[in-house]
Amino acid sequence: MPYGPTSARTVPLPKGWGVIRKRILKRDGFVCTWIDGGMRCSVPATDVDHIGDPADHSEANLRSLCQPHHRRRSSAQGGRAAQAKKIPRKRRQEAHPGLL
């Protein structure tokens, strides 16, 4: 997905991303690297995912994923980020005045 005004990316992709993307897809045999239940997904890979830091574009931090698995991972990351921003609804429990 390109970085632009409608993108939800937090860090812009580097110049030459197309070349990096092709190199990672080729390295992984154009097959999704998602592992679920000990089995590797066998669907053709279309996306390149950052495993860790989104600003680190090194080969060790990139992997090939199929679109459904990339969407699933990105959605989970977004959900965790939104949850971290939420203000807790539970108030701190105060000691009962009769027990002071």
N, C-alpha and C. Protein backbone atom coordinates (compact mmCIF):
# COMPACT_ATOMS: atom_id res chain seq x y z
N MET A 1 0.85 -1.17 0.00
CA MET A 1 0.00 0.00 0.00
C MET A 1 0.90 1.23 0.00
N PRO A 2 0.70 2.15 -0.91
CA PRO A 2 1.55 3.32 -0.97
C PRO A 2 1.27 4.28 0.19
N TYR A 3 2.27 5.06 0.49
CA TYR A 3 2.14 6.06 1.54
C TYR A 3 1.62 7.34 0.91
N GLY A 4 0.59 7.90 1.46
CA GLY A 4 0.03 9.14 0.92
C GLY A 4 -1.01 9.71 1.85
N PRO A 5 -1.80 10.69 1.38
CA PRO A 5 -2.76 11.36 2.25
C PRO A 5 -3.87 10.44 2.77
N THR A 6 -4.14 9.33 2.08
CA THR A 6 -5.19 8.42 2.54
C THR A 6 -4.63 7.20 3.24
N SER A 7 -3.31 7.13 3.40
CA SER A 7 -2.66 5.98 4.02
C SER A 7 -2.71 6.09 5.54
N ALA A 8 -2.79 4.93 6.20
CA ALA A 8 -2.77 4.89 7.66
C ALA A 8 -1.37 4.57 8.19
N ARG A 9 -0.38 4.57 7.31
CA ARG A 9 0.99 4.27 7.73
C ARG A 9 1.49 5.31 8.71
N THR A 10 2.22 4.86 9.72
CA THR A 10 2.79 5.77 10.71
C THR A 10 4.16 6.26 10.29
N VAL A 11 4.83 5.50 9.44
CA VAL A 11 6.17 5.84 8.97
C VAL A 11 6.17 5.73 7.44
N PRO A 12 6.66 6.75 6.74
CA PRO A 12 6.68 6.65 5.27
C PRO A 12 7.63 5.56 4.78
N LEU A 13 7.30 4.99 3.64
CA LEU A 13 8.18 3.99 3.03
C LEU A 13 9.35 4.69 2.37
N PRO A 14 10.51 4.05 2.31
CA PRO A 14 11.70 4.69 1.74
C PRO A 14 11.63 4.76 0.21
N LYS A 15 12.46 5.62 -0.36
CA LYS A 15 12.60 5.64 -1.81
C LYS A 15 13.15 4.28 -2.22
N GLY A 16 12.68 3.78 -3.31
CA GLY A 16 13.15 2.47 -3.77
C GLY A 16 12.41 1.31 -3.10
N TRP A 17 11.25 1.60 -2.47
CA TRP A 17 10.49 0.54 -1.79
C TRP A 17 10.09 -0.56 -2.76
N GLY A 18 9.77 -0.20 -4.00
CA GLY A 18 9.37 -1.21 -4.98
C GLY A 18 10.46 -2.25 -5.21
N VAL A 19 11.70 -1.81 -5.24
CA VAL A 19 12.83 -2.72 -5.43
C VAL A 19 13.00 -3.61 -4.18
N ILE A 20 12.91 -2.99 -3.00
CA ILE A 20 13.03 -3.75 -1.75
C ILE A 20 11.93 -4.79 -1.67
N ARG A 21 10.70 -4.36 -1.98
CA ARG A 21 9.53 -5.25 -1.93
C ARG A 21 9.73 -6.47 -2.83
N LYS A 22 10.16 -6.23 -4.06
CA LYS A 22 10.38 -7.34 -5.01
C LYS A 22 11.46 -8.29 -4.50
N ARG A 23 12.52 -7.72 -3.90
CA ARG A 23 13.62 -8.55 -3.39
C ARG A 23 13.13 -9.46 -2.26
N ILE A 24 12.27 -8.93 -1.36
CA ILE A 24 11.76 -9.73 -0.24
C ILE A 24 10.81 -10.80 -0.75
N LEU A 25 9.93 -10.45 -1.68
CA LEU A 25 9.00 -11.45 -2.23
C LEU A 25 9.78 -12.58 -2.91
N LYS A 26 10.83 -12.22 -3.66
CA LYS A 26 11.65 -13.23 -4.33
C LYS A 26 12.37 -14.11 -3.30
N ARG A 27 12.94 -13.47 -2.25
CA ARG A 27 13.65 -14.21 -1.21
C ARG A 27 12.75 -15.26 -0.57
N ASP A 28 11.48 -14.92 -0.35
CA ASP A 28 10.54 -15.83 0.30
C ASP A 28 9.80 -16.73 -0.68
N GLY A 29 10.23 -16.73 -1.93
CA GLY A 29 9.64 -17.62 -2.94
C GLY A 29 8.24 -17.22 -3.36
N PHE A 30 7.88 -15.95 -3.18
CA PHE A 30 6.56 -15.43 -3.55
C PHE A 30 5.43 -16.18 -2.85
N VAL A 31 5.74 -16.74 -1.65
CA VAL A 31 4.75 -17.48 -0.86
C VAL A 31 4.65 -16.83 0.52
N CYS A 32 3.44 -16.76 1.06
CA CYS A 32 3.20 -16.19 2.38
C CYS A 32 4.02 -16.93 3.44
N THR A 33 4.61 -16.19 4.37
CA THR A 33 5.44 -16.80 5.42
C THR A 33 4.70 -16.93 6.75
N TRP A 34 3.40 -16.65 6.77
CA TRP A 34 2.59 -16.74 7.99
C TRP A 34 2.57 -18.18 8.48
N ILE A 35 2.81 -18.38 9.77
CA ILE A 35 2.77 -19.72 10.36
C ILE A 35 1.62 -19.78 11.34
N ASP A 36 0.73 -20.73 11.14
CA ASP A 36 -0.45 -20.89 12.00
C ASP A 36 -0.57 -22.37 12.36
N GLY A 37 -0.47 -22.67 13.65
CA GLY A 37 -0.56 -24.06 14.10
C GLY A 37 0.59 -24.91 13.59
N GLY A 38 1.76 -24.30 13.42
CA GLY A 38 2.92 -25.04 12.95
C GLY A 38 2.96 -25.24 11.44
N MET A 39 1.96 -24.77 10.74
CA MET A 39 1.90 -24.92 9.28
C MET A 39 2.08 -23.56 8.61
N ARG A 40 2.92 -23.54 7.55
CA ARG A 40 3.13 -22.31 6.81
C ARG A 40 2.02 -22.14 5.78
N CYS A 41 1.53 -20.93 5.65
CA CYS A 41 0.51 -20.62 4.65
C CYS A 41 1.10 -20.87 3.26
N SER A 42 0.30 -21.41 2.35
CA SER A 42 0.80 -21.74 1.01
C SER A 42 0.22 -20.81 -0.06
N VAL A 43 -0.45 -19.75 0.36
CA VAL A 43 -1.06 -18.80 -0.57
C VAL A 43 0.03 -17.88 -1.14
N PRO A 44 -0.07 -17.49 -2.40
CA PRO A 44 0.92 -16.57 -2.96
C PRO A 44 0.97 -15.25 -2.18
N ALA A 45 2.18 -14.77 -1.93
CA ALA A 45 2.39 -13.53 -1.19
C ALA A 45 2.24 -12.34 -2.12
N THR A 46 1.56 -11.30 -1.65
CA THR A 46 1.39 -10.08 -2.42
C THR A 46 1.89 -8.86 -1.66
N ASP A 47 2.08 -8.98 -0.36
CA ASP A 47 2.46 -7.85 0.50
C ASP A 47 3.75 -8.13 1.24
N VAL A 48 4.45 -7.06 1.62
CA VAL A 48 5.65 -7.18 2.45
C VAL A 48 5.35 -6.49 3.76
N ASP A 49 5.59 -7.20 4.86
CA ASP A 49 5.24 -6.75 6.21
C ASP A 49 6.49 -6.47 7.01
N HIS A 50 6.43 -5.43 7.84
CA HIS A 50 7.50 -5.14 8.80
C HIS A 50 7.25 -5.99 10.04
N ILE A 51 8.19 -6.83 10.42
CA ILE A 51 8.03 -7.71 11.58
C ILE A 51 8.06 -6.91 12.86
N GLY A 52 9.00 -5.99 12.96
CA GLY A 52 9.15 -5.18 14.17
C GLY A 52 8.95 -3.71 13.88
N ASP A 53 10.01 -2.94 14.08
CA ASP A 53 9.99 -1.49 13.91
C ASP A 53 9.58 -1.10 12.49
N PRO A 54 8.51 -0.31 12.32
CA PRO A 54 8.07 0.07 10.98
C PRO A 54 9.05 1.01 10.26
N ALA A 55 10.00 1.58 10.98
CA ALA A 55 10.99 2.45 10.36
C ALA A 55 12.24 1.67 9.92
N ASP A 56 12.33 0.41 10.33
CA ASP A 56 13.48 -0.43 9.97
C ASP A 56 13.13 -1.21 8.70
N HIS A 57 13.76 -0.83 7.59
CA HIS A 57 13.46 -1.46 6.31
C HIS A 57 14.54 -2.48 5.91
N SER A 58 15.26 -3.02 6.90
CA SER A 58 16.29 -4.02 6.61
C SER A 58 15.61 -5.35 6.25
N GLU A 59 16.32 -6.18 5.51
CA GLU A 59 15.75 -7.46 5.08
C GLU A 59 15.37 -8.35 6.26
N ALA A 60 16.10 -8.26 7.35
CA ALA A 60 15.81 -9.10 8.52
C ALA A 60 14.48 -8.71 9.18
N ASN A 61 14.01 -7.49 8.93
CA ASN A 61 12.77 -7.00 9.54
C ASN A 61 11.58 -7.09 8.59
N LEU A 62 11.76 -7.68 7.43
CA LEU A 62 10.68 -7.75 6.44
C LEU A 62 10.34 -9.20 6.10
N ARG A 63 9.06 -9.44 5.80
CA ARG A 63 8.63 -10.78 5.39
C ARG A 63 7.47 -10.66 4.41
N SER A 64 7.28 -11.69 3.62
CA SER A 64 6.21 -11.73 2.63
C SER A 64 4.96 -12.32 3.27
N LEU A 65 3.83 -11.68 2.99
CA LEU A 65 2.53 -12.18 3.48
C LEU A 65 1.50 -12.09 2.37
N CYS A 66 0.50 -12.97 2.43
CA CYS A 66 -0.64 -12.85 1.54
C CYS A 66 -1.50 -11.69 2.05
N GLN A 67 -2.39 -11.20 1.22
CA GLN A 67 -3.19 -10.04 1.61
C GLN A 67 -4.07 -10.30 2.84
N PRO A 68 -4.74 -11.46 2.97
CA PRO A 68 -5.56 -11.69 4.17
C PRO A 68 -4.74 -11.71 5.46
N HIS A 69 -3.55 -12.31 5.44
CA HIS A 69 -2.73 -12.34 6.66
C HIS A 69 -2.14 -10.97 6.97
N HIS A 70 -1.78 -10.21 5.94
CA HIS A 70 -1.26 -8.85 6.18
C HIS A 70 -2.36 -7.96 6.76
N ARG A 71 -3.56 -8.09 6.23
CA ARG A 71 -4.70 -7.31 6.74
C ARG A 71 -5.00 -7.70 8.19
N ARG A 72 -4.92 -8.99 8.48
CA ARG A 72 -5.19 -9.49 9.84
C ARG A 72 -4.16 -8.94 10.83
N ARG A 73 -2.89 -8.97 10.43
CA ARG A 73 -1.82 -8.46 11.30
C ARG A 73 -1.94 -6.95 11.52
N SER A 74 -2.17 -6.21 10.43
CA SER A 74 -2.29 -4.76 10.54
C SER A 74 -3.50 -4.36 11.38
N SER A 75 -4.59 -5.09 11.24
CA SER A 75 -5.79 -4.82 12.03
C SER A 75 -5.54 -5.06 13.51
N ALA A 76 -4.83 -6.14 13.82
CA ALA A 76 -4.51 -6.44 15.22
C ALA A 76 -3.60 -5.36 15.82
N GLN A 77 -2.63 -4.89 15.03
CA GLN A 77 -1.74 -3.83 15.51
C GLN A 77 -2.52 -2.55 15.77
N GLY A 78 -3.43 -2.22 14.87
CA GLY A 78 -4.24 -1.02 15.03
C GLY A 78 -5.15 -1.12 16.25
N GLY A 79 -5.70 -2.31 16.48
CA GLY A 79 -6.56 -2.53 17.64
C GLY A 79 -5.80 -2.37 18.94
N ARG A 80 -4.57 -2.90 18.99
CA ARG A 80 -3.75 -2.75 20.20
C ARG A 80 -3.39 -1.29 20.44
N ALA A 81 -3.09 -0.55 19.36
CA ALA A 81 -2.73 0.86 19.49
C ALA A 81 -3.93 1.66 20.00
N ALA A 82 -5.12 1.36 19.48
CA ALA A 82 -6.32 2.07 19.93
C ALA A 82 -6.63 1.75 21.38
N GLN A 83 -6.44 0.49 21.77
CA GLN A 83 -6.70 0.07 23.14
C GLN A 83 -5.75 0.77 24.11
N ALA A 84 -4.51 0.95 23.70
CA ALA A 84 -3.51 1.60 24.56
C ALA A 84 -3.85 3.07 24.80
N LYS A 85 -4.56 3.69 23.87
CA LYS A 85 -4.92 5.11 24.01
C LYS A 85 -6.15 5.32 24.88
N LYS A 86 -6.93 4.27 25.09
CA LYS A 86 -8.18 4.41 25.84
C LYS A 86 -7.93 4.77 27.29
N ILE A 87 -8.82 5.57 27.83
CA ILE A 87 -8.77 5.92 29.25
C ILE A 87 -9.51 4.81 30.00
N PRO A 88 -8.90 4.28 31.05
CA PRO A 88 -9.57 3.21 31.80
C PRO A 88 -10.91 3.69 32.37
N ARG A 89 -11.93 2.88 32.25
CA ARG A 89 -13.26 3.23 32.74
C ARG A 89 -13.42 2.91 34.22
N LYS A 90 -12.64 1.98 34.70
CA LYS A 90 -12.76 1.60 36.11
C LYS A 90 -12.05 2.60 36.99
N ARG A 91 -12.73 3.03 38.01
CA ARG A 91 -12.11 3.93 38.98
C ARG A 91 -11.32 3.11 39.98
N ARG A 92 -10.32 3.74 40.55
CA ARG A 92 -9.52 3.08 41.56
C ARG A 92 -10.41 2.82 42.76
N GLN A 93 -10.36 1.61 43.27
CA GLN A 93 -11.20 1.26 44.40
C GLN A 93 -10.62 1.88 45.68
N GLU A 94 -11.47 2.63 46.37
CA GLU A 94 -11.05 3.29 47.59
C GLU A 94 -11.38 2.41 48.79
N ALA A 95 -10.63 2.59 49.86
CA ALA A 95 -10.89 1.83 51.08
C ALA A 95 -12.23 2.29 51.68
N HIS A 96 -12.97 1.36 52.21
CA HIS A 96 -14.26 1.65 52.83
C HIS A 96 -14.02 2.54 54.06
N PRO A 97 -14.81 3.63 54.24
CA PRO A 97 -14.57 4.56 55.34
C PRO A 97 -14.66 3.89 56.71
N GLY A 98 -15.47 2.87 56.82
CA GLY A 98 -15.61 2.20 58.13
C GLY A 98 -14.41 1.33 58.46
N LEU A 99 -13.56 1.06 57.47
CA LEU A 99 -12.40 0.19 57.71
C LEU A 99 -11.10 0.98 57.87
N LEU A 100 -11.20 2.29 57.90
CA LEU A 100 -9.97 3.10 58.03
C LEU A 100 -9.42 3.09 59.41
